PDB file of N, CA and C in Angstrom:
ATOM      1  N   MET A   1      81.942 215.729 103.946  1.00  0.00           N
ATOM      2  CA  MET A   1      82.591 215.541 103.652  1.00  0.00           C
ATOM      3  C   MET A   1      82.799 213.706 103.517  1.00  0.00           C
ATOM      4  N   ARG A   2      82.654 213.102 102.057  1.00  0.00           N
ATOM      5  CA  ARG A   2      82.573 212.312 101.870  1.00  0.00           C
ATOM      6  C   ARG A   2      84.001 210.868 102.821  1.00  0.00           C
ATOM      7  N   ARG A   3      85.043 211.559 102.141  1.00  0.00           N
ATOM      8  CA  ARG A   3      86.592 211.090 102.583  1.00  0.00           C
ATOM      9  C   ARG A   3      87.319 211.262 103.892  1.00  0.00           C
ATOM     10  N   ALA A   4      87.290 210.893 104.706  1.00  0.00           N
ATOM     11  CA  ALA A   4      87.949 212.128 105.495  1.00  0.00           C
ATOM     12  C   ALA A   4      88.901 210.946 106.477  1.00  0.00           C
ATOM     13  N   PRO A   5      89.967 210.770 106.041  1.00  0.00           N
ATOM     14  CA  PRO A   5      91.460 209.494 106.822  1.00  0.00           C
ATOM     15  C   PRO A   5      91.657 210.664 107.352  1.00  0.00           C
ATOM     16  N   HIS A   6      92.150 209.115 108.386  1.00  0.00           N
ATOM     17  CA  HIS A   6      92.467 210.556 109.952  1.00  0.00           C
ATOM     18  C   HIS A   6      94.193 210.130 109.593  1.00  0.00           C
ATOM     19  N   VAL A   7      94.214 209.308 108.972  1.00  0.00           N
ATOM     20  CA  VAL A   7      96.028 209.363 108.971  1.00  0.00           C
ATOM     21  C   VAL A   7      96.171 208.930 107.324  1.00  0.00           C
ATOM     22  N   ILE A   8      97.181 210.235 106.996  1.00  0.00           N
ATOM     23  CA  ILE A   8      97.139 209.737 104.920  1.00  0.00           C
ATOM     24  C   ILE A   8      98.854 208.928 105.083  1.00  0.00           C
ATOM     25  N   VAL A   9      99.288 208.518 103.826  1.00  0.00           N
ATOM     26  CA  VAL A   9     101.137 207.800 103.928  1.00  0.00           C
ATOM     27  C   VAL A   9     101.046 208.011 102.341  1.00  0.00           C
ATOM     28  N   GLY A  10     102.094 208.267 102.083  1.00  0.00           N
ATOM     29  CA  GLY A  10     102.382 209.295 100.602  1.00  0.00           C
ATOM     30  C   GLY A  10     103.474 208.374 100.488  1.00  0.00           C
ATOM     31  N   SER A  11     103.878 207.554  99.442  1.00  0.00           N
ATOM     32  CA  SER A  11     104.933 206.696  99.240  1.00  0.00           C
ATOM     33  C   SER A  11     105.014 207.107  97.724  1.00  0.00           C
ATOM     34  N   TRP A  12     106.541 208.237  96.654  1.00  0.00           N
ATOM     35  CA  TRP A  12     106.354 208.284  95.693  1.00  0.00           C
ATOM     36  C   TRP A  12     108.003 207.428  95.138  1.00  0.00           C
ATOM     37  N   CYS A  13     107.855 207.227  93.900  1.00  0.00           N
ATOM     38  CA  CYS A  13     108.744 206.161  93.186  1.00  0.00           C
ATOM     39  C   CYS A  13     109.508 207.266  92.946  1.00  0.00           C
ATOM     40  N   GLY A  14     111.298 207.352  94.058  1.00  0.00           N
ATOM     41  CA  GLY A  14     111.899 208.223  93.439  1.00  0.00           C
ATOM     42  C   GLY A  14     111.934 209.467  94.061  1.00  0.00           C
ATOM     43  N   ARG A  15     111.159 209.367  94.734  1.00  0.00           N
ATOM     44  CA  ARG A  15     111.033 211.010  95.183  1.00  0.00           C
ATOM     45  C   ARG A  15     110.990 211.941  96.447  1.00  0.00           C
ATOM     46  N   LYS A  16     111.147 212.129  97.193  1.00  0.00           N
ATOM     47  CA  LYS A  16     110.766 212.437  98.739  1.00  0.00           C
ATOM     48  C   LYS A  16     108.997 212.753  98.931  1.00  0.00           C
ATOM     49  N   PHE A  17     108.310 212.264  99.793  1.00  0.00           N
ATOM     50  CA  PHE A  17     106.960 212.814 100.166  1.00  0.00           C
ATOM     51  C   PHE A  17     107.013 214.602 100.609  1.00  0.00           C
ATOM     52  N   ARG A  18     106.698 214.580 100.029  1.00  0.00           N
ATOM     53  CA  ARG A  18     106.119 216.047 100.324  1.00  0.00           C
ATOM     54  C   ARG A  18     104.496 216.453 101.586  1.00  0.00           C
ATOM     55  N   PRO A  19     104.292 216.766 102.610  1.00  0.00           N
ATOM     56  CA  PRO A  19     103.347 216.529 103.041  1.00  0.00           C
ATOM     57  C   PRO A  19     102.656 218.157 102.840  1.00  0.00           C
ATOM     58  N   GLU A  20     103.582 218.575 103.047  1.00  0.00           N
ATOM     59  CA  GLU A  20     103.336 220.826 103.159  1.00  0.00           C
ATOM     60  C   GLU A  20     102.786 220.339 100.857  1.00  0.00           C
ATOM     61  N   ARG A  21     103.022 219.370  99.963  1.00  0.00           N
ATOM     62  CA  ARG A  21     101.941 219.716  99.109  1.00  0.00           C
ATOM     63  C   ARG A  21     100.907 219.082  99.510  1.00  0.00           C
ATOM     64  N   VAL A  22     100.541 218.589  99.980  1.00  0.00           N
ATOM     65  CA  VAL A  22      99.509 218.022 100.649  1.00  0.00           C
ATOM     66  C   VAL A  22      98.125 218.694 101.435  1.00  0.00           C
ATOM     67  N   VAL A  23      99.157 219.425 102.595  1.00  0.00           N
ATOM     68  CA  VAL A  23      98.155 220.802 103.101  1.00  0.00           C
ATOM     69  C   VAL A  23      98.104 221.167 102.381  1.00  0.00           C
ATOM     70  N   ALA A  24      99.139 221.606 101.418  1.00  0.00           N
ATOM     71  CA  ALA A  24      98.887 223.364 100.135  1.00  0.00           C
ATOM     72  C   ALA A  24      97.036 222.939  99.417  1.00  0.00           C
ATOM     73  N   ARG A  25      96.665 222.156  99.320  1.00  0.00           N
ATOM     74  CA  ARG A  25      95.624 221.824  98.203  1.00  0.00           C
ATOM     75  C   ARG A  25      94.171 222.553  98.829  1.00  0.00           C
ATOM     76  N   GLU A  26      93.728 222.855  98.443  1.00  0.00           N
ATOM     77  CA  GLU A  26      92.099 223.706  98.280  1.00  0.00           C
ATOM     78  C   GLU A  26      91.634 222.487  98.900  1.00  0.00           C
ATOM     79  N   GLY A  27      90.744 223.225 100.564  1.00  0.00           N
ATOM     80  CA  GLY A  27      89.777 222.459 100.882  1.00  0.00           C
ATOM     81  C   GLY A  27      90.534 221.556 101.667  1.00  0.00           C
ATOM     82  N   TRP A  28      91.883 220.742 101.662  1.00  0.00           N
ATOM     83  CA  TRP A  28      92.179 219.523 102.547  1.00  0.00           C
ATOM     84  C   TRP A  28      92.642 220.085 103.959  1.00  0.00           C
ATOM     85  N   SER A  29      92.417 221.431 104.644  1.00  0.00           N
ATOM     86  CA  SER A  29      92.478 221.359 105.892  1.00  0.00           C
ATOM     87  C   SER A  29      91.469 220.864 106.756  1.00  0.00           C
ATOM     88  N   ARG A  30      90.033 220.861 106.130  1.00  0.00           N
ATOM     89  CA  ARG A  30      89.658 220.114 106.694  1.00  0.00           C
ATOM     90  C   ARG A  30      89.199 218.613 106.885  1.00  0.00           C
ATOM     91  N   ILE A  31      90.638 217.588 106.338  1.00  0.00           N
ATOM     92  CA  ILE A  31      90.455 216.432 106.151  1.00  0.00           C
ATOM     93  C   ILE A  31      91.669 216.504 107.654  1.00  0.00           C
ATOM     94  N   PRO A  32      90.547 215.466 108.560  1.00  0.00           N
ATOM     95  CA  PRO A  32      91.362 215.219 109.548  1.00  0.00           C
ATOM     96  C   PRO A  32      92.723 214.865 110.115  1.00  0.00           C
ATOM     97  N   ALA A  33      93.451 214.419 108.681  1.00  0.00           N
ATOM     98  CA  ALA A  33      94.579 213.757 108.935  1.00  0.00           C
ATOM     99  C   ALA A  33      95.985 215.359 108.526  1.00  0.00           C
ATOM    100  N   VAL A  34      95.174 215.820 108.116  1.00  0.00           N
ATOM    101  CA  VAL A  34      95.743 216.802 107.566  1.00  0.00           C
ATOM    102  C   VAL A  34      95.947 218.298 108.500  1.00  0.00           C
ATOM    103  N   ALA A  35      94.465 218.235 109.218  1.00  0.00           N
ATOM    104  CA  ALA A  35      94.695 219.260 110.408  1.00  0.00           C
ATOM    105  C   ALA A  35      95.274 218.323 111.919  1.00  0.00           C
ATOM    106  N   ASP A  36      95.409 217.674 111.241  1.00  0.00           N
ATOM    107  CA  ASP A  36      96.339 216.855 113.099  1.00  0.00           C
ATOM    108  C   ASP A  36      97.394 216.460 112.295  1.00  0.00           C
ATOM    109  N   GLY A  37      98.285 216.936 111.807  1.00  0.00           N
ATOM    110  CA  GLY A  37      99.483 216.237 111.068  1.00  0.00           C
ATOM    111  C   GLY A  37      99.938 215.013 110.925  1.00  0.00           C
ATOM    112  N   GLN A  38      98.809 214.195 110.803  1.00  0.00           N
ATOM    113  CA  GLN A  38      98.915 212.944 110.799  1.00  0.00           C
ATOM    114  C   GLN A  38      99.588 212.580 108.381  1.00  0.00           C
ATOM    115  N   LEU A  39     100.425 212.829 108.508  1.00  0.00           N
ATOM    116  CA  LEU A  39     100.565 212.942 107.082  1.00  0.00           C
ATOM    117  C   LEU A  39     102.636 212.001 107.100  1.00  0.00           C
ATOM    118  N   HIS A  40     102.524 210.886 106.605  1.00  0.00           N
ATOM    119  CA  HIS A  40     102.869 210.137 107.139  1.00  0.00           C
ATOM    120  C   HIS A  40     104.039 209.639 105.481  1.00  0.00           C
ATOM    121  N   GLU A  41     105.235 208.828 105.650  1.00  0.00           N
ATOM    122  CA  GLU A  41     106.153 208.613 104.604  1.00  0.00           C
ATOM    123  C   GLU A  41     106.420 207.155 104.382  1.00  0.00           C
ATOM    124  N   ILE A  42     106.174 206.493 103.449  1.00  0.00           N
ATOM    125  CA  ILE A  42     106.670 205.854 103.825  1.00  0.00           C
ATOM    126  C   ILE A  42     107.453 205.158 102.523  1.00  0.00           C
ATOM    127  N   LYS A  43     109.329 204.834 102.458  1.00  0.00           N
ATOM    128  CA  LYS A  43     110.049 205.303 101.685  1.00  0.00           C
ATOM    129  C   LYS A  43     109.587 204.652 100.192  1.00  0.00           C
ATOM    130  N   SER A  44     110.039 204.718  99.986  1.00  0.00           N
ATOM    131  CA  SER A  44     109.681 203.722  98.155  1.00  0.00           C
ATOM    132  C   SER A  44     110.184 202.729  97.945  1.00  0.00           C
ATOM    133  N   ALA A  45     111.803 202.584  98.635  1.00  0.00           N
ATOM    134  CA  ALA A  45     112.421 201.729  98.243  1.00  0.00           C
ATOM    135  C   ALA A  45     112.498 200.176  99.033  1.00  0.00           C
ATOM    136  N   LEU A  46     111.532 200.391 100.307  1.00  0.00           N
ATOM    137  CA  LEU A  46     110.652 199.928 101.043  1.00  0.00           C
ATOM    138  C   LEU A  46     109.568 199.020 100.912  1.00  0.00           C
ATOM    139  N   ILE A  47     108.695 199.663  99.718  1.00  0.00           N
ATOM    140  CA  ILE A  47     107.731 198.396  99.086  1.00  0.00           C
ATOM    141  C   ILE A  47     107.720 198.375  98.526  1.00  0.00           C
ATOM    142  N   LEU A  48     108.911 198.601  97.554  1.00  0.00           N
ATOM    143  CA  LEU A  48     109.253 198.056  95.659  1.00  0.00           C
ATOM    144  C   LEU A  48     110.389 197.551  96.092  1.00  0.00           C
ATOM    145  N   GLN A  49     110.623 196.632  97.077  1.00  0.00           N
ATOM    146  CA  GLN A  49     111.942 196.277  96.721  1.00  0.00           C
ATOM    147  C   GLN A  49     111.172 194.971  96.402  1.00  0.00           C
ATOM    148  N   PRO A  50     112.170 194.024  95.592  1.00  0.00           N
ATOM    149  CA  PRO A  50     111.660 192.605  95.339  1.00  0.00           C
ATOM    150  C   PRO A  50     111.216 191.501  96.124  1.00  0.00           C
ATOM    151  N   GLY A  51     109.966 190.594  95.833  1.00  0.00           N
ATOM    152  CA  GLY A  51     110.252 189.714  96.863  1.00  0.00           C
ATOM    153  C   GLY A  51     109.414 189.982  97.791  1.00  0.00           C
ATOM    154  N   PRO A  52     109.633 189.046  98.642  1.00  0.00           N
ATOM    155  CA  PRO A  52     107.926 189.051 100.262  1.00  0.00           C
ATOM    156  C   PRO A  52     108.550 190.293 100.974  1.00  0.00           C
ATOM    157  N   ALA A  53     110.069 190.450 100.683  1.00  0.00           N
ATOM    158  CA  ALA A  53     110.219 192.044 102.289  1.00  0.00           C
ATOM    159  C   ALA A  53     109.156 193.249 101.646  1.00  0.00           C
ATOM    160  N   ALA A  54     108.908 193.200 100.312  1.00  0.00           N
ATOM    161  CA  ALA A  54     108.022 194.504 100.081  1.00  0.00           C
ATOM    162  C   ALA A  54     106.471 194.666 100.935  1.00  0.00           C
ATOM    163  N   LEU A  55     106.283 193.084 101.111  1.00  0.00           N
ATOM    164  CA  LEU A  55     105.023 192.992 102.133  1.00  0.00           C
ATOM    165  C   LEU A  55     105.167 192.733 103.813  1.00  0.00           C
ATOM    166  N   THR A  56     106.358 192.469 104.143  1.00  0.00           N
ATOM    167  CA  THR A  56     106.602 191.984 105.167  1.00  0.00           C
ATOM    168  C   THR A  56     106.738 193.326 105.591  1.00  0.00           C
ATOM    169  N   ASP A  57     107.487 194.392 105.263  1.00  0.00           N
ATOM    170  CA  ASP A  57     108.625 195.187 105.494  1.00  0.00           C
ATOM    171  C   ASP A  57     107.547 196.463 105.431  1.00  0.00           C
ATOM    172  N   GLY A  58     107.161 196.339 104.470  1.00  0.00           N
ATOM    173  CA  GLY A  58     106.418 197.487 103.934  1.00  0.00           C
ATOM    174  C   GLY A  58     104.516 197.509 105.069  1.00  0.00           C
ATOM    175  N   VAL A  59     104.474 196.483 105.481  1.00  0.00           N
ATOM    176  CA  VAL A  59     102.973 196.127 106.670  1.00  0.00           C
ATOM    177  C   VAL A  59     103.805 196.809 107.514  1.00  0.00           C
ATOM    178  N   ALA A  60     104.701 195.845 108.421  1.00  0.00           N
ATOM    179  CA  ALA A  60     105.760 196.557 109.417  1.00  0.00           C
ATOM    180  C   ALA A  60     105.262 198.246 109.339  1.00  0.00           C
ATOM    181  N   ALA A  61     105.902 199.220 108.249  1.00  0.00           N
ATOM    182  CA  ALA A  61     105.493 200.200 108.363  1.00  0.00           C
ATOM    183  C   ALA A  61     104.350 201.097 107.954  1.00  0.00           C
ATOM    184  N   LEU A  62     103.540 200.189 107.756  1.00  0.00           N
ATOM    185  CA  LEU A  62     101.960 201.205 107.968  1.00  0.00           C
ATOM    186  C   LEU A  62     101.711 200.521 109.434  1.00  0.00           C
ATOM    187  N   HIS A  63     102.018 199.116 109.436  1.00  0.00           N
ATOM    188  CA  HIS A  63     101.487 198.974 111.121  1.00  0.00           C
ATOM    189  C   HIS A  63     101.993 200.154 112.255  1.00  0.00           C
ATOM    190  N   ARG A  64     103.214 200.174 112.228  1.00  0.00           N
ATOM    191  CA  ARG A  64     103.936 201.089 112.941  1.00  0.00           C
ATOM    192  C   ARG A  64     102.791 202.460 112.897  1.00  0.00           C
ATOM    193  N   ILE A  65     102.965 202.773 111.942  1.00  0.00           N
ATOM    194  CA  ILE A  65     101.904 204.272 111.708  1.00  0.00           C
ATOM    195  C   ILE A  65     100.733 204.445 112.518  1.00  0.00           C
ATOM    196  N   ILE A  66     100.298 203.993 112.187  1.00  0.00           N
ATOM    197  CA  ILE A  66      98.838 203.941 112.147  1.00  0.00           C
ATOM    198  C   ILE A  66      98.571 202.727 113.676  1.00  0.00           C
ATOM    199  N   GLY A  67      99.790 201.890 114.392  1.00  0.00           N
ATOM    200  CA  GLY A  67      99.351 201.763 115.541  1.00  0.00           C
ATOM    201  C   GLY A  67      99.684 202.911 116.522  1.00  0.00           C
ATOM    202  N   ASP A  68     100.884 203.842 116.043  1.00  0.00           N
ATOM    203  CA  ASP A  68     100.819 205.236 116.910  1.00  0.00           C
ATOM    204  C   ASP A  68      99.594 205.549 116.976  1.00  0.00           C
ATOM    205  N   TRP A  69      99.097 206.126 115.814  1.00  0.00           N
ATOM    206  CA  TRP A  69      97.862 206.953 115.725  1.00  0.00           C
ATOM    207  C   TRP A  69      96.795 206.640 116.592  1.00  0.00           C
ATOM    208  N   ALA A  70      96.930 205.230 116.689  1.00  0.00           N
ATOM    209  CA  ALA A  70      95.665 204.414 117.181  1.00  0.00           C
ATOM    210  C   ALA A  70      95.664 204.703 118.998  1.00  0.00           C
ATOM    211  N   GLN A  71      97.228 204.752 119.428  1.00  0.00           N
ATOM    212  CA  GLN A  71      97.380 204.936 120.659  1.00  0.00           C
ATOM    213  C   GLN A  71      96.948 206.238 121.278  1.00  0.00           C
ATOM    214  N   ASP A  72      97.190 207.600 120.213  1.00  0.00           N
ATOM    215  CA  ASP A  72      97.643 208.777 120.706  1.00  0.00           C
ATOM    216  C   ASP A  72      96.621 210.123 120.356  1.00  0.00           C
ATOM    217  N   SER A  73      95.884 209.083 119.007  1.00  0.00           N
ATOM    218  CA  SER A  73      94.562 209.550 118.760  1.00  0.00           C
ATOM    219  C   SER A  73      93.847 209.802 119.401  1.00  0.00           C
ATOM    220  N   PRO A  74      92.759 211.109 120.260  1.00  0.00           N
ATOM    221  CA  PRO A  74      91.197 211.426 120.249  1.00  0.00           C
ATOM    222  C   PRO A  74      90.336 210.177 119.658  1.00  0.00           C
ATOM    223  N   HIS A  75      90.058 210.584 117.669  1.00  0.00           N
ATOM    224  CA  HIS A  75      89.734 209.678 117.340  1.00  0.00           C
ATOM    225  C   HIS A  75      88.829 208.416 116.747  1.00  0.00           C
ATOM    226  N   ARG A  76      90.030 207.440 117.679  1.00  0.00           N
ATOM    227  CA  ARG A  76      89.584 206.034 117.707  1.00  0.00           C
ATOM    228  C   ARG A  76      88.597 205.571 118.156  1.00  0.00           C
ATOM    229  N   GLY A  77      88.865 203.998 117.785  1.00  0.00           N
ATOM    230  CA  GLY A  77      87.111 204.148 118.338  1.00  0.00           C
ATOM    231  C   GLY A  77      86.557 203.519 117.507  1.00  0.00           C
TER     232      GLY A  77
END
């Protein structure tokens, strides 16, 4: 598999991220993020807000998601 992310972050403008739709995609069960349940949402309002808060708040949310994964994951390294 060419790409095998350990974390997937979704954000849809005006819609809820539906991890079950990602899981249902053919062949995606072999992706570590899907197999390990590491599918996360960042609310679109958080990253699409005007001004620098989109960057600071968005980066903080990504930092939390990836930090939690790194702390708990046997795959880190």
